[in-house]
Amino acid sequence: MNLHFKYEKNIQIKQLEALYNDVQWYAYTQDLAVLQQAVSQSLDVLTVWDCDELVGLVRVVGDGLTILYIQDILVLEAYQNQGIATQLMQRILQKYHHVRQKVFVDRRSNGCKAFL
């Protein structure tokens, strides 16, 4: 496993589709053009790759100055429980350490919000 992290918003649609479907976020893959546009228009996207395979990402929206929403954080099932999501969060939070309000919405907990 040769993981590398990079900030990247121009991701091939097939790679996005594979990642979102793998974690069963099917609502996002109903319209792949919208998914690709949403990713490309996000404030920032930090990705993690194993060679040329997209294995995870964290996507943030907001103004980057006063508020930051952690919109999506996904890791392929085969790569889960290895600390990858933690590294994604740590790196994105470090980059935006100056932003006063950071919000994370967990869809698994009925939309429970966490203010970081």
PDB file of N, CA and C in Angstrom:
ATOM      1  N   MET A   1       0.854  -1.177   0.000  1.00  0.00           N
ATOM      2  CA  MET A   1       0.000   0.000   0.000  1.00  0.00           C
ATOM      3  C   MET A   1       0.898   1.238   0.000  1.00  0.00           C
ATOM      4  N   ASN A   2       0.681   2.098  -0.981  1.00  0.00           N
ATOM      5  CA  ASN A   2       1.483   3.307  -1.144  1.00  0.00           C
ATOM      6  C   ASN A   2       0.543   4.509  -1.160  1.00  0.00           C
ATOM      7  N   LEU A   3       0.113   4.954   0.019  1.00  0.00           N
ATOM      8  CA  LEU A   3      -0.864   6.035   0.110  1.00  0.00           C
ATOM      9  C   LEU A   3      -0.196   7.391  -0.014  1.00  0.00           C
ATOM     10  N   HIS A   4      -0.847   8.276  -0.769  1.00  0.00           N
ATOM     11  CA  HIS A   4      -0.402   9.662  -0.807  1.00  0.00           C
ATOM     12  C   HIS A   4      -1.628  10.574  -0.817  1.00  0.00           C
ATOM     13  N   PHE A   5      -1.489  11.699  -0.126  1.00  0.00           N
ATOM     14  CA  PHE A   5      -2.560  12.674   0.027  1.00  0.00           C
ATOM     15  C   PHE A   5      -2.304  13.837  -0.918  1.00  0.00           C
ATOM     16  N   LYS A   6      -3.385  14.349  -1.499  1.00  0.00           N
ATOM     17  CA  LYS A   6      -3.230  15.562  -2.304  1.00  0.00           C
ATOM     18  C   LYS A   6      -4.560  16.309  -2.372  1.00  0.00           C
ATOM     19  N   TYR A   7      -4.439  17.620  -2.478  1.00  0.00           N
ATOM     20  CA  TYR A   7      -5.608  18.474  -2.666  1.00  0.00           C
ATOM     21  C   TYR A   7      -5.954  18.433  -4.143  1.00  0.00           C
ATOM     22  N   GLU A   8      -7.169  17.966  -4.439  1.00  0.00           N
ATOM     23  CA  GLU A   8      -7.554  17.733  -5.828  1.00  0.00           C
ATOM     24  C   GLU A   8      -9.069  17.818  -5.962  1.00  0.00           C
ATOM     25  N   LYS A   9      -9.528  18.729  -6.818  1.00  0.00           N
ATOM     26  CA  LYS A   9     -10.967  18.846  -7.071  1.00  0.00           C
ATOM     27  C   LYS A   9     -11.366  18.309  -8.438  1.00  0.00           C
ATOM     28  N   ASN A  10     -10.415  18.107  -9.310  1.00  0.00           N
ATOM     29  CA  ASN A  10     -10.704  17.587 -10.652  1.00  0.00           C
ATOM     30  C   ASN A  10     -10.458  16.084 -10.666  1.00  0.00           C
ATOM     31  N   ILE A  11     -11.472  15.353 -10.226  1.00  0.00           N
ATOM     32  CA  ILE A  11     -11.377  13.904 -10.088  1.00  0.00           C
ATOM     33  C   ILE A  11     -12.245  13.262 -11.162  1.00  0.00           C
ATOM     34  N   GLN A  12     -11.727  12.238 -11.792  1.00  0.00           N
ATOM     35  CA  GLN A  12     -12.496  11.546 -12.824  1.00  0.00           C
ATOM     36  C   GLN A  12     -13.791  10.996 -12.234  1.00  0.00           C
ATOM     37  N   ILE A  13     -14.865  11.126 -12.994  1.00  0.00           N
ATOM     38  CA  ILE A  13     -16.191  10.752 -12.512  1.00  0.00           C
ATOM     39  C   ILE A  13     -16.267   9.276 -12.133  1.00  0.00           C
ATOM     40  N   LYS A  14     -15.585   8.415 -12.852  1.00  0.00           N
ATOM     41  CA  LYS A  14     -15.607   6.978 -12.532  1.00  0.00           C
ATOM     42  C   LYS A  14     -14.972   6.701 -11.172  1.00  0.00           C
ATOM     43  N   GLN A  15     -13.946   7.477 -10.821  1.00  0.00           N
ATOM     44  CA  GLN A  15     -13.312   7.306  -9.515  1.00  0.00           C
ATOM     45  C   GLN A  15     -14.240   7.774  -8.397  1.00  0.00           C
ATOM     46  N   LEU A  16     -14.923   8.909  -8.623  1.00  0.00           N
ATOM     47  CA  LEU A  16     -15.895   9.388  -7.638  1.00  0.00           C
ATOM     48  C   LEU A  16     -17.032   8.385  -7.476  1.00  0.00           C
ATOM     49  N   GLU A  17     -17.541   7.903  -8.597  1.00  0.00           N
ATOM     50  CA  GLU A  17     -18.649   6.944  -8.559  1.00  0.00           C
ATOM     51  C   GLU A  17     -18.258   5.691  -7.771  1.00  0.00           C
ATOM     52  N   ALA A  18     -17.076   5.173  -8.017  1.00  0.00           N
ATOM     53  CA  ALA A  18     -16.622   3.967  -7.322  1.00  0.00           C
ATOM     54  C   ALA A  18     -16.526   4.203  -5.817  1.00  0.00           C
ATOM     55  N   LEU A  19     -15.983   5.342  -5.413  1.00  0.00           N
ATOM     56  CA  LEU A  19     -15.832   5.642  -3.988  1.00  0.00           C
ATOM     57  C   LEU A  19     -17.188   5.822  -3.312  1.00  0.00           C
ATOM     58  N   TYR A  20     -18.039   6.669  -3.870  1.00  0.00           N
ATOM     59  CA  TYR A  20     -19.341   6.941  -3.250  1.00  0.00           C
ATOM     60  C   TYR A  20     -20.217   5.691  -3.228  1.00  0.00           C
ATOM     61  N   ASN A  21     -20.183   4.878  -4.273  1.00  0.00           N
ATOM     62  CA  ASN A  21     -20.967   3.635  -4.280  1.00  0.00           C
ATOM     63  C   ASN A  21     -20.423   2.623  -3.280  1.00  0.00           C
ATOM     64  N   ASP A  22     -19.105   2.571  -3.133  1.00  0.00           N
ATOM     65  CA  ASP A  22     -18.496   1.621  -2.205  1.00  0.00           C
ATOM     66  C   ASP A  22     -18.974   1.853  -0.776  1.00  0.00           C
ATOM     67  N   VAL A  23     -19.170   3.110  -0.403  1.00  0.00           N
ATOM     68  CA  VAL A  23     -19.634   3.423   0.955  1.00  0.00           C
ATOM     69  C   VAL A  23     -21.154   3.582   1.008  1.00  0.00           C
ATOM     70  N   GLN A  24     -21.811   3.202  -0.080  1.00  0.00           N
ATOM     71  CA  GLN A  24     -23.266   3.168  -0.177  1.00  0.00           C
ATOM     72  C   GLN A  24     -23.921   4.545  -0.063  1.00  0.00           C
ATOM     73  N   TRP A  25     -23.257   5.565  -0.584  1.00  0.00           N
ATOM     74  CA  TRP A  25     -23.844   6.898  -0.649  1.00  0.00           C
ATOM     75  C   TRP A  25     -24.464   7.056  -2.035  1.00  0.00           C
ATOM     76  N   TYR A  26     -25.438   6.221  -2.305  1.00  0.00           N
ATOM     77  CA  TYR A  26     -26.036   6.140  -3.637  1.00  0.00           C
ATOM     78  C   TYR A  26     -26.763   7.412  -4.051  1.00  0.00           C
ATOM     79  N   ALA A  27     -27.262   8.174  -3.111  1.00  0.00           N
ATOM     80  CA  ALA A  27     -27.961   9.419  -3.463  1.00  0.00           C
ATOM     81  C   ALA A  27     -27.039  10.349  -4.246  1.00  0.00           C
ATOM     82  N   TYR A  28     -25.756  10.303  -3.957  1.00  0.00           N
ATOM     83  CA  TYR A  28     -24.794  11.161  -4.645  1.00  0.00           C
ATOM     84  C   TYR A  28     -24.517  10.692  -6.067  1.00  0.00           C
ATOM     85  N   THR A  29     -24.685   9.402  -6.328  1.00  0.00           N
ATOM     86  CA  THR A  29     -24.331   8.874  -7.649  1.00  0.00           C
ATOM     87  C   THR A  29     -25.539   8.738  -8.572  1.00  0.00           C
ATOM     88  N   GLN A  30     -26.684   9.236  -8.147  1.00  0.00           N
ATOM     89  CA  GLN A  30     -27.858   9.226  -9.022  1.00  0.00           C
ATOM     90  C   GLN A  30     -27.651  10.140 -10.222  1.00  0.00           C
ATOM     91  N   ASP A  31     -26.934  11.235 -10.009  1.00  0.00           N
ATOM     92  CA  ASP A  31     -26.618  12.173 -11.091  1.00  0.00           C
ATOM     93  C   ASP A  31     -25.127  12.482 -11.005  1.00  0.00           C
ATOM     94  N   LEU A  32     -24.352  11.753 -11.771  1.00  0.00           N
ATOM     95  CA  LEU A  32     -22.894  11.854 -11.682  1.00  0.00           C
ATOM     96  C   LEU A  32     -22.363  13.210 -12.104  1.00  0.00           C
ATOM     97  N   ALA A  33     -23.044  13.874 -13.030  1.00  0.00           N
ATOM     98  CA  ALA A  33     -22.610  15.213 -13.447  1.00  0.00           C
ATOM     99  C   ALA A  33     -22.731  16.191 -12.287  1.00  0.00           C
ATOM    100  N   VAL A  34     -23.802  16.067 -11.513  1.00  0.00           N
ATOM    101  CA  VAL A  34     -23.990  16.937 -10.345  1.00  0.00           C
ATOM    102  C   VAL A  34     -22.924  16.634  -9.294  1.00  0.00           C
ATOM    103  N   LEU A  35     -22.635  15.359  -9.067  1.00  0.00           N
ATOM    104  CA  LEU A  35     -21.595  14.991  -8.106  1.00  0.00           C
ATOM    105  C   LEU A  35     -20.258  15.592  -8.503  1.00  0.00           C
ATOM    106  N   GLN A  36     -19.887  15.446  -9.757  1.00  0.00           N
ATOM    107  CA  GLN A  36     -18.603  15.978 -10.209  1.00  0.00           C
ATOM    108  C   GLN A  36     -18.563  17.498 -10.086  1.00  0.00           C
ATOM    109  N   GLN A  37     -19.663  18.156 -10.403  1.00  0.00           N
ATOM    110  CA  GLN A  37     -19.716  19.612 -10.282  1.00  0.00           C
ATOM    111  C   GLN A  37     -19.655  20.034  -8.818  1.00  0.00           C
ATOM    112  N   ALA A  38     -20.354  19.312  -7.945  1.00  0.00           N
ATOM    113  CA  ALA A  38     -20.322  19.630  -6.516  1.00  0.00           C
ATOM    114  C   ALA A  38     -18.902  19.522  -5.971  1.00  0.00           C
ATOM    115  N   VAL A  39     -18.197  18.487  -6.368  1.00  0.00           N
ATOM    116  CA  VAL A  39     -16.821  18.307  -5.910  1.00  0.00           C
ATOM    117  C   VAL A  39     -15.939  19.425  -6.451  1.00  0.00           C
ATOM    118  N   SER A  40     -16.049  19.718  -7.722  1.00  0.00           N
ATOM    119  CA  SER A  40     -15.176  20.735  -8.320  1.00  0.00           C
ATOM    120  C   SER A  40     -15.468  22.139  -7.795  1.00  0.00           C
ATOM    121  N   GLN A  41     -16.699  22.390  -7.346  1.00  0.00           N
ATOM    122  CA  GLN A  41     -17.054  23.718  -6.839  1.00  0.00           C
ATOM    123  C   GLN A  41     -16.941  23.825  -5.316  1.00  0.00           C
ATOM    124  N   SER A  42     -16.482  22.783  -4.662  1.00  0.00           N
ATOM    125  CA  SER A  42     -16.287  22.827  -3.216  1.00  0.00           C
ATOM    126  C   SER A  42     -15.161  23.790  -2.870  1.00  0.00           C
ATOM    127  N   LEU A  43     -15.157  24.243  -1.638  1.00  0.00           N
ATOM    128  CA  LEU A  43     -14.061  25.094  -1.179  1.00  0.00           C
ATOM    129  C   LEU A  43     -12.739  24.340  -1.294  1.00  0.00           C
ATOM    130  N   ASP A  44     -12.743  23.084  -0.870  1.00  0.00           N
ATOM    131  CA  ASP A  44     -11.514  22.298  -0.910  1.00  0.00           C
ATOM    132  C   ASP A  44     -11.863  20.815  -0.866  1.00  0.00           C
ATOM    133  N   VAL A  45     -10.994  20.014  -1.439  1.00  0.00           N
ATOM    134  CA  VAL A  45     -11.136  18.560  -1.409  1.00  0.00           C
ATOM    135  C   VAL A  45      -9.744  17.974  -1.189  1.00  0.00           C
ATOM    136  N   LEU A  46      -9.600  17.237  -0.105  1.00  0.00           N
ATOM    137  CA  LEU A  46      -8.355  16.523   0.158  1.00  0.00           C
ATOM    138  C   LEU A  46      -8.608  15.051  -0.149  1.00  0.00           C
ATOM    139  N   THR A  47      -7.792  14.497  -1.017  1.00  0.00           N
ATOM    140  CA  THR A  47      -7.964  13.114  -1.446  1.00  0.00           C
ATOM    141  C   THR A  47      -6.802  12.262  -0.958  1.00  0.00           C
ATOM    142  N   VAL A  48      -7.028  10.961  -0.927  1.00  0.00           N
ATOM    143  CA  VAL A  48      -5.960  10.008  -0.626  1.00  0.00           C
ATOM    144  C   VAL A  48      -6.015   8.915  -1.688  1.00  0.00           C
ATOM    145  N   TRP A  49      -4.831   8.575  -2.175  1.00  0.00           N
ATOM    146  CA  TRP A  49      -4.691   7.658  -3.310  1.00  0.00           C
ATOM    147  C   TRP A  49      -3.759   6.515  -2.939  1.00  0.00           C
ATOM    148  N   ASP A  50      -4.065   5.348  -3.481  1.00  0.00           N
ATOM    149  CA  ASP A  50      -3.156   4.204  -3.447  1.00  0.00           C
ATOM    150  C   ASP A  50      -2.763   3.974  -4.903  1.00  0.00           C
ATOM    151  N   CYS A  51      -1.587   4.416  -5.251  1.00  0.00           N
ATOM    152  CA  CYS A  51      -1.155   4.491  -6.654  1.00  0.00           C
ATOM    153  C   CYS A  51      -2.156   5.363  -7.405  1.00  0.00           C
ATOM    154  N   ASP A  52      -2.907   4.816  -8.354  1.00  0.00           N
ATOM    155  CA  ASP A  52      -3.868   5.616  -9.119  1.00  0.00           C
ATOM    156  C   ASP A  52      -5.310   5.412  -8.671  1.00  0.00           C
ATOM    157  N   GLU A  53      -5.520   4.723  -7.560  1.00  0.00           N
ATOM    158  CA  GLU A  53      -6.874   4.452  -7.075  1.00  0.00           C
ATOM    159  C   GLU A  53      -7.261   5.452  -5.991  1.00  0.00           C
ATOM    160  N   LEU A  54      -8.391   6.123  -6.180  1.00  0.00           N
ATOM    161  CA  LEU A  54      -8.937   7.022  -5.168  1.00  0.00           C
ATOM    162  C   LEU A  54      -9.496   6.170  -4.037  1.00  0.00           C
ATOM    163  N   VAL A  55      -8.918   6.290  -2.846  1.00  0.00           N
ATOM    164  CA  VAL A  55      -9.371   5.468  -1.721  1.00  0.00           C
ATOM    165  C   VAL A  55     -10.107   6.274  -0.664  1.00  0.00           C
ATOM    166  N   GLY A  56     -10.046   7.598  -0.740  1.00  0.00           N
ATOM    167  CA  GLY A  56     -10.773   8.404   0.233  1.00  0.00           C
ATOM    168  C   GLY A  56     -10.701   9.878  -0.093  1.00  0.00           C
ATOM    169  N   LEU A  57     -11.619  10.614   0.550  1.00  0.00           N
ATOM    170  CA  LEU A  57     -11.595  12.070   0.407  1.00  0.00           C
ATOM    171  C   LEU A  57     -12.359  12.725   1.542  1.00  0.00           C
ATOM    172  N   VAL A  58     -12.024  13.966   1.787  1.00  0.00           N
ATOM    173  CA  VAL A  58     -12.816  14.846   2.636  1.00  0.00           C
ATOM    174  C   VAL A  58     -13.104  16.082   1.797  1.00  0.00           C
ATOM    175  N   ARG A  59     -14.389  16.461   1.790  1.00  0.00           N
ATOM    176  CA  ARG A  59     -14.839  17.607   0.982  1.00  0.00           C
ATOM    177  C   ARG A  59     -15.399  18.650   1.926  1.00  0.00           C
ATOM    178  N   VAL A  60     -14.940  19.906   1.760  1.00  0.00           N
ATOM    179  CA  VAL A  60     -15.407  20.985   2.627  1.00  0.00           C
ATOM    180  C   VAL A  60     -16.007  22.112   1.792  1.00  0.00           C
ATOM    181  N   VAL A  61     -17.021  22.727   2.369  1.00  0.00           N
ATOM    182  CA  VAL A  61     -17.664  23.882   1.759  1.00  0.00           C
ATOM    183  C   VAL A  61     -17.690  24.994   2.799  1.00  0.00           C
ATOM    184  N   GLY A  62     -17.881  26.209   2.339  1.00  0.00           N
ATOM    185  CA  GLY A  62     -17.908  27.361   3.233  1.00  0.00           C
ATOM    186  C   GLY A  62     -17.108  28.498   2.637  1.00  0.00           C
ATOM    187  N   ASP A  63     -16.891  29.527   3.450  1.00  0.00           N
ATOM    188  CA  ASP A  63     -16.144  30.680   2.938  1.00  0.00           C
ATOM    189  C   ASP A  63     -14.648  30.583   3.218  1.00  0.00           C
ATOM    190  N   GLY A  64     -14.249  29.634   4.052  1.00  0.00           N
ATOM    191  CA  GLY A  64     -12.836  29.449   4.346  1.00  0.00           C
ATOM    192  C   GLY A  64     -12.254  30.481   5.286  1.00  0.00           C
ATOM    193  N   LEU A  65     -13.095  31.393   5.756  1.00  0.00           N
ATOM    194  CA  LEU A  65     -12.631  32.458   6.648  1.00  0.00           C
ATOM    195  C   LEU A  65     -13.336  32.433   7.997  1.00  0.00           C
ATOM    196  N   THR A  66     -14.669  32.316   7.959  1.00  0.00           N
ATOM    197  CA  THR A  66     -15.437  32.349   9.204  1.00  0.00           C
ATOM    198  C   THR A  66     -16.181  31.054   9.482  1.00  0.00           C
ATOM    199  N   ILE A  67     -16.467  30.264   8.447  1.00  0.00           N
ATOM    200  CA  ILE A  67     -17.189  29.008   8.642  1.00  0.00           C
ATOM    201  C   ILE A  67     -16.726  27.969   7.635  1.00  0.00           C
ATOM    202  N   LEU A  68     -16.691  26.743   8.111  1.00  0.00           N
ATOM    203  CA  LEU A  68     -16.253  25.615   7.299  1.00  0.00           C
ATOM    204  C   LEU A  68     -17.166  24.437   7.611  1.00  0.00           C
ATOM    205  N   TYR A  69     -17.796  23.890   6.590  1.00  0.00           N
ATOM    206  CA  TYR A  69     -18.618  22.693   6.732  1.00  0.00           C
ATOM    207  C   TYR A  69     -17.855  21.507   6.174  1.00  0.00           C
ATOM    208  N   ILE A  70     -17.679  20.502   6.999  1.00  0.00           N
ATOM    209  CA  ILE A  70     -17.099  19.257   6.523  1.00  0.00           C
ATOM    210  C   ILE A  70     -18.268  18.468   5.957  1.00  0.00           C
ATOM    211  N   GLN A  71     -18.369  18.495   4.653  1.00  0.00           N
ATOM    212  CA  GLN A  71     -19.535  17.972   3.945  1.00  0.00           C
ATOM    213  C   GLN A  71     -19.480  16.458   3.785  1.00  0.00           C
ATOM    214  N   ASP A  72     -18.376  15.943   3.273  1.00  0.00           N
ATOM    215  CA  ASP A  72     -18.242  14.504   3.022  1.00  0.00           C
ATOM    216  C   ASP A  72     -16.893  14.036   3.538  1.00  0.00           C
ATOM    217  N   ILE A  73     -16.885  12.877   4.148  1.00  0.00           N
ATOM    218  CA  ILE A  73     -15.631  12.185   4.438  1.00  0.00           C
ATOM    219  C   ILE A  73     -15.886  10.705   4.163  1.00  0.00           C
ATOM    220  N   LEU A  74     -15.128  10.168   3.207  1.00  0.00           N
ATOM    221  CA  LEU A  74     -15.354   8.803   2.732  1.00  0.00           C
ATOM    222  C   LEU A  74     -14.024   8.081   2.566  1.00  0.00           C
ATOM    223  N   VAL A  75     -14.029   6.794   2.883  1.00  0.00           N
ATOM    224  CA  VAL A  75     -12.874   5.928   2.658  1.00  0.00           C
ATOM    225  C   VAL A  75     -13.412   4.591   2.156  1.00  0.00           C
ATOM    226  N   LEU A  76     -12.806   4.068   1.105  1.00  0.00           N
ATOM    227  CA  LEU A  76     -13.209   2.759   0.595  1.00  0.00           C
ATOM    228  C   LEU A  76     -13.248   1.743   1.732  1.00  0.00           C
ATOM    229  N   GLU A  77     -14.237   0.862   1.688  1.00  0.00           N
ATOM    230  CA  GLU A  77     -14.406  -0.120   2.761  1.00  0.00           C
ATOM    231  C   GLU A  77     -13.135  -0.937   3.004  1.00  0.00           C
ATOM    232  N   ALA A  78     -12.453  -1.316   1.949  1.00  0.00           N
ATOM    233  CA  ALA A  78     -11.238  -2.126   2.084  1.00  0.00           C
ATOM    234  C   ALA A  78     -10.111  -1.388   2.805  1.00  0.00           C
ATOM    235  N   TYR A  79     -10.200  -0.065   2.899  1.00  0.00           N
ATOM    236  CA  TYR A  79      -9.156   0.749   3.524  1.00  0.00           C
ATOM    237  C   TYR A  79      -9.600   1.325   4.865  1.00  0.00           C
ATOM    238  N   GLN A  80     -10.811   1.008   5.297  1.00  0.00           N
ATOM    239  CA  GLN A  80     -11.317   1.563   6.549  1.00  0.00           C
ATOM    240  C   GLN A  80     -10.616   0.933   7.751  1.00  0.00           C
ATOM    241  N   ASN A  81     -10.708   1.619   8.884  1.00  0.00           N
ATOM    242  CA  ASN A  81     -10.115   1.175  10.154  1.00  0.00           C
ATOM    243  C   ASN A  81      -8.590   1.118  10.097  1.00  0.00           C
ATOM    244  N   GLN A  82      -8.016   2.013   9.297  1.00  0.00           N
ATOM    245  CA  GLN A  82      -6.562   2.122   9.211  1.00  0.00           C
ATOM    246  C   GLN A  82      -6.094   3.542   9.530  1.00  0.00           C
ATOM    247  N   GLY A  83      -7.010   4.382  10.013  1.00  0.00           N
ATOM    248  CA  GLY A  83      -6.655   5.745  10.387  1.00  0.00           C
ATOM    249  C   GLY A  83      -6.668   6.741   9.238  1.00  0.00           C
ATOM    250  N   ILE A  84      -7.155   6.337   8.074  1.00  0.00           N
ATOM    251  CA  ILE A  84      -7.139   7.227   6.914  1.00  0.00           C
ATOM    252  C   ILE A  84      -8.096   8.397   7.103  1.00  0.00           C
ATOM    253  N   ALA A  85      -9.309   8.127   7.573  1.00  0.00           N
ATOM    254  CA  ALA A  85     -10.278   9.208   7.804  1.00  0.00           C
ATOM    255  C   ALA A  85      -9.753  10.179   8.857  1.00  0.00           C
ATOM    256  N   THR A  86      -9.105   9.654   9.875  1.00  0.00           N
ATOM    257  CA  THR A  86      -8.514  10.513  10.907  1.00  0.00           C
ATOM    258  C   THR A  86      -7.457  11.423  10.300  1.00  0.00           C
ATOM    259  N   GLN A  87      -6.615  10.875   9.449  1.00  0.00           N
ATOM    260  CA  GLN A  87      -5.585  11.692   8.799  1.00  0.00           C
ATOM    261  C   GLN A  87      -6.204  12.754   7.896  1.00  0.00           C
ATOM    262  N   LEU A  88      -7.249  12.387   7.167  1.00  0.00           N
ATOM    263  CA  LEU A  88      -7.938  13.368   6.322  1.00  0.00           C
ATOM    264  C   LEU A  88      -8.466  14.520   7.172  1.00  0.00           C
ATOM    265  N   MET A  89      -9.136  14.187   8.279  1.00  0.00           N
ATOM    266  CA  MET A  89      -9.690  15.227   9.155  1.00  0.00           C
ATOM    267  C   MET A  89      -8.578  16.088   9.750  1.00  0.00           C
ATOM    268  N   GLN A  90      -7.533  15.465  10.245  1.00  0.00           N
ATOM    269  CA  GLN A  90      -6.439  16.222  10.855  1.00  0.00           C
ATOM    270  C   GLN A  90      -5.812  17.191   9.860  1.00  0.00           C
ATOM    271  N   ARG A  91      -5.586  16.737   8.663  1.00  0.00           N
ATOM    272  CA  ARG A  91      -4.948  17.586   7.652  1.00  0.00           C
ATOM    273  C   ARG A  91      -5.840  18.747   7.239  1.00  0.00           C
ATOM    274  N   ILE A  92      -7.140  18.489   7.035  1.00  0.00           N
ATOM    275  CA  ILE A  92      -8.028  19.566   6.600  1.00  0.00           C
ATOM    276  C   ILE A  92      -8.247  20.557   7.739  1.00  0.00           C
ATOM    277  N   LEU A  93      -8.364  20.064   8.977  1.00  0.00           N
ATOM    278  CA  LEU A  93      -8.537  20.972  10.113  1.00  0.00           C
ATOM    279  C   LEU A  93      -7.279  21.804  10.350  1.00  0.00           C
ATOM    280  N   GLN A  94      -6.115  21.229  10.124  1.00  0.00           N
ATOM    281  CA  GLN A  94      -4.873  21.993  10.253  1.00  0.00           C
ATOM    282  C   GLN A  94      -4.810  23.093   9.197  1.00  0.00           C
ATOM    283  N   LYS A  95      -5.186  22.767   7.977  1.00  0.00           N
ATOM    284  CA  LYS A  95      -5.148  23.769   6.908  1.00  0.00           C
ATOM    285  C   LYS A  95      -6.066  24.944   7.218  1.00  0.00           C
ATOM    286  N   TYR A  96      -7.220  24.655   7.833  1.00  0.00           N
ATOM    287  CA  TYR A  96      -8.207  25.701   8.127  1.00  0.00           C
ATOM    288  C   TYR A  96      -8.275  25.997   9.623  1.00  0.00           C
ATOM    289  N   HIS A  97      -7.153  25.900  10.307  1.00  0.00           N
ATOM    290  CA  HIS A  97      -7.115  26.147  11.750  1.00  0.00           C
ATOM    291  C   HIS A  97      -7.585  27.548  12.112  1.00  0.00           C
ATOM    292  N   HIS A  98      -7.451  28.487  11.202  1.00  0.00           N
ATOM    293  CA  HIS A  98      -7.811  29.880  11.449  1.00  0.00           C
ATOM    294  C   HIS A  98      -9.316  30.133  11.376  1.00  0.00           C
ATOM    295  N   VAL A  99     -10.076  29.194  10.855  1.00  0.00           N
ATOM    296  CA  VAL A  99     -11.527  29.367  10.729  1.00  0.00           C
ATOM    297  C   VAL A  99     -12.156  29.131  12.098  1.00  0.00           C
ATOM    298  N   ARG A 100     -12.933  30.110  12.543  1.00  0.00           N
ATOM    299  CA  ARG A 100     -13.506  30.068  13.889  1.00  0.00           C
ATOM    300  C   ARG A 100     -14.534  28.959  14.057  1.00  0.00           C
ATOM    301  N   GLN A 101     -15.448  28.822  13.109  1.00  0.00           N
ATOM    302  CA  GLN A 101     -16.527  27.849  13.253  1.00  0.00           C
ATOM    303  C   GLN A 101     -16.387  26.741  12.214  1.00  0.00           C
ATOM    304  N   LYS A 102     -16.281  25.518  12.725  1.00  0.00           N
ATOM    305  CA  LYS A 102     -16.188  24.340  11.866  1.00  0.00           C
ATOM    306  C   LYS A 102     -17.347  23.419  12.224  1.00  0.00           C
ATOM    307  N   VAL A 103     -18.073  22.951  11.205  1.00  0.00           N
ATOM    308  CA  VAL A 103     -19.268  22.139  11.429  1.00  0.00           C
ATOM    309  C   VAL A 103     -19.124  20.822  10.683  1.00  0.00           C
ATOM    310  N   PHE A 104     -19.436  19.743  11.386  1.00  0.00           N
ATOM    311  CA  PHE A 104     -19.447  18.411  10.785  1.00  0.00           C
ATOM    312  C   PHE A 104     -20.822  17.812  11.006  1.00  0.00           C
ATOM    313  N   VAL A 105     -21.465  17.377   9.933  1.00  0.00           N
ATOM    314  CA  VAL A 105     -22.782  16.755  10.030  1.00  0.00           C
ATOM    315  C   VAL A 105     -22.619  15.264   9.774  1.00  0.00           C
ATOM    316  N   ASP A 106     -23.013  14.461  10.745  1.00  0.00           N
ATOM    317  CA  ASP A 106     -22.912  13.008  10.639  1.00  0.00           C
ATOM    318  C   ASP A 106     -24.256  12.451  10.196  1.00  0.00           C
ATOM    319  N   ARG A 107     -24.319  11.985   8.968  1.00  0.00           N
ATOM    320  CA  ARG A 107     -25.574  11.465   8.414  1.00  0.00           C
ATOM    321  C   ARG A 107     -26.026  10.174   9.084  1.00  0.00           C
ATOM    322  N   ARG A 108     -25.119   9.470   9.726  1.00  0.00           N
ATOM    323  CA  ARG A 108     -25.484   8.214  10.384  1.00  0.00           C
ATOM    324  C   ARG A 108     -26.239   8.451  11.684  1.00  0.00           C
ATOM    325  N   SER A 109     -26.182   9.650  12.212  1.00  0.00           N
ATOM    326  CA  SER A 109     -26.810   9.953  13.501  1.00  0.00           C
ATOM    327  C   SER A 109     -27.949  10.938  13.330  1.00  0.00           C
ATOM    328  N   ASN A 110     -28.785  10.711  12.335  1.00  0.00           N
ATOM    329  CA  ASN A 110     -29.943  11.573  12.076  1.00  0.00           C
ATOM    330  C   ASN A 110     -29.560  13.036  11.922  1.00  0.00           C
ATOM    331  N   GLY A 111     -28.464  13.288  11.232  1.00  0.00           N
ATOM    332  CA  GLY A 111     -28.062  14.664  10.965  1.00  0.00           C
ATOM    333  C   GLY A 111     -27.460  15.363  12.166  1.00  0.00           C
ATOM    334  N   CYS A 112     -26.929  14.612  13.102  1.00  0.00           N
ATOM    335  CA  CYS A 112     -26.316  15.197  14.295  1.00  0.00           C
ATOM    336  C   CYS A 112     -25.150  16.091  13.879  1.00  0.00           C
ATOM    337  N   LYS A 113     -25.125  17.294  14.423  1.00  0.00           N
ATOM    338  CA  LYS A 113     -24.070  18.246  14.087  1.00  0.00           C
ATOM    339  C   LYS A 113     -23.026  18.285  15.194  1.00  0.00           C
ATOM    340  N   ALA A 114     -21.799  18.373  14.792  1.00  0.00           N
ATOM    341  CA  ALA A 114     -20.704  18.556  15.733  1.00  0.00           C
ATOM    342  C   ALA A 114     -20.008  19.853  15.364  1.00  0.00           C
ATOM    343  N   PHE A 115     -19.802  20.694  16.347  1.00  0.00           N
ATOM    344  CA  PHE A 115     -19.094  21.950  16.129  1.00  0.00           C
ATOM    345  C   PHE A 115     -17.686  21.767  16.658  1.00  0.00           C
ATOM    346  N   LEU A 116     -16.734  21.826  15.759  1.00  0.00           N
ATOM    347  CA  LEU A 116     -15.343  21.543  16.117  1.00  0.00           C
ATOM    348  C   LEU A 116     -14.600  22.798  16.501  1.00  0.00           C
TER     349      LEU A 116
END
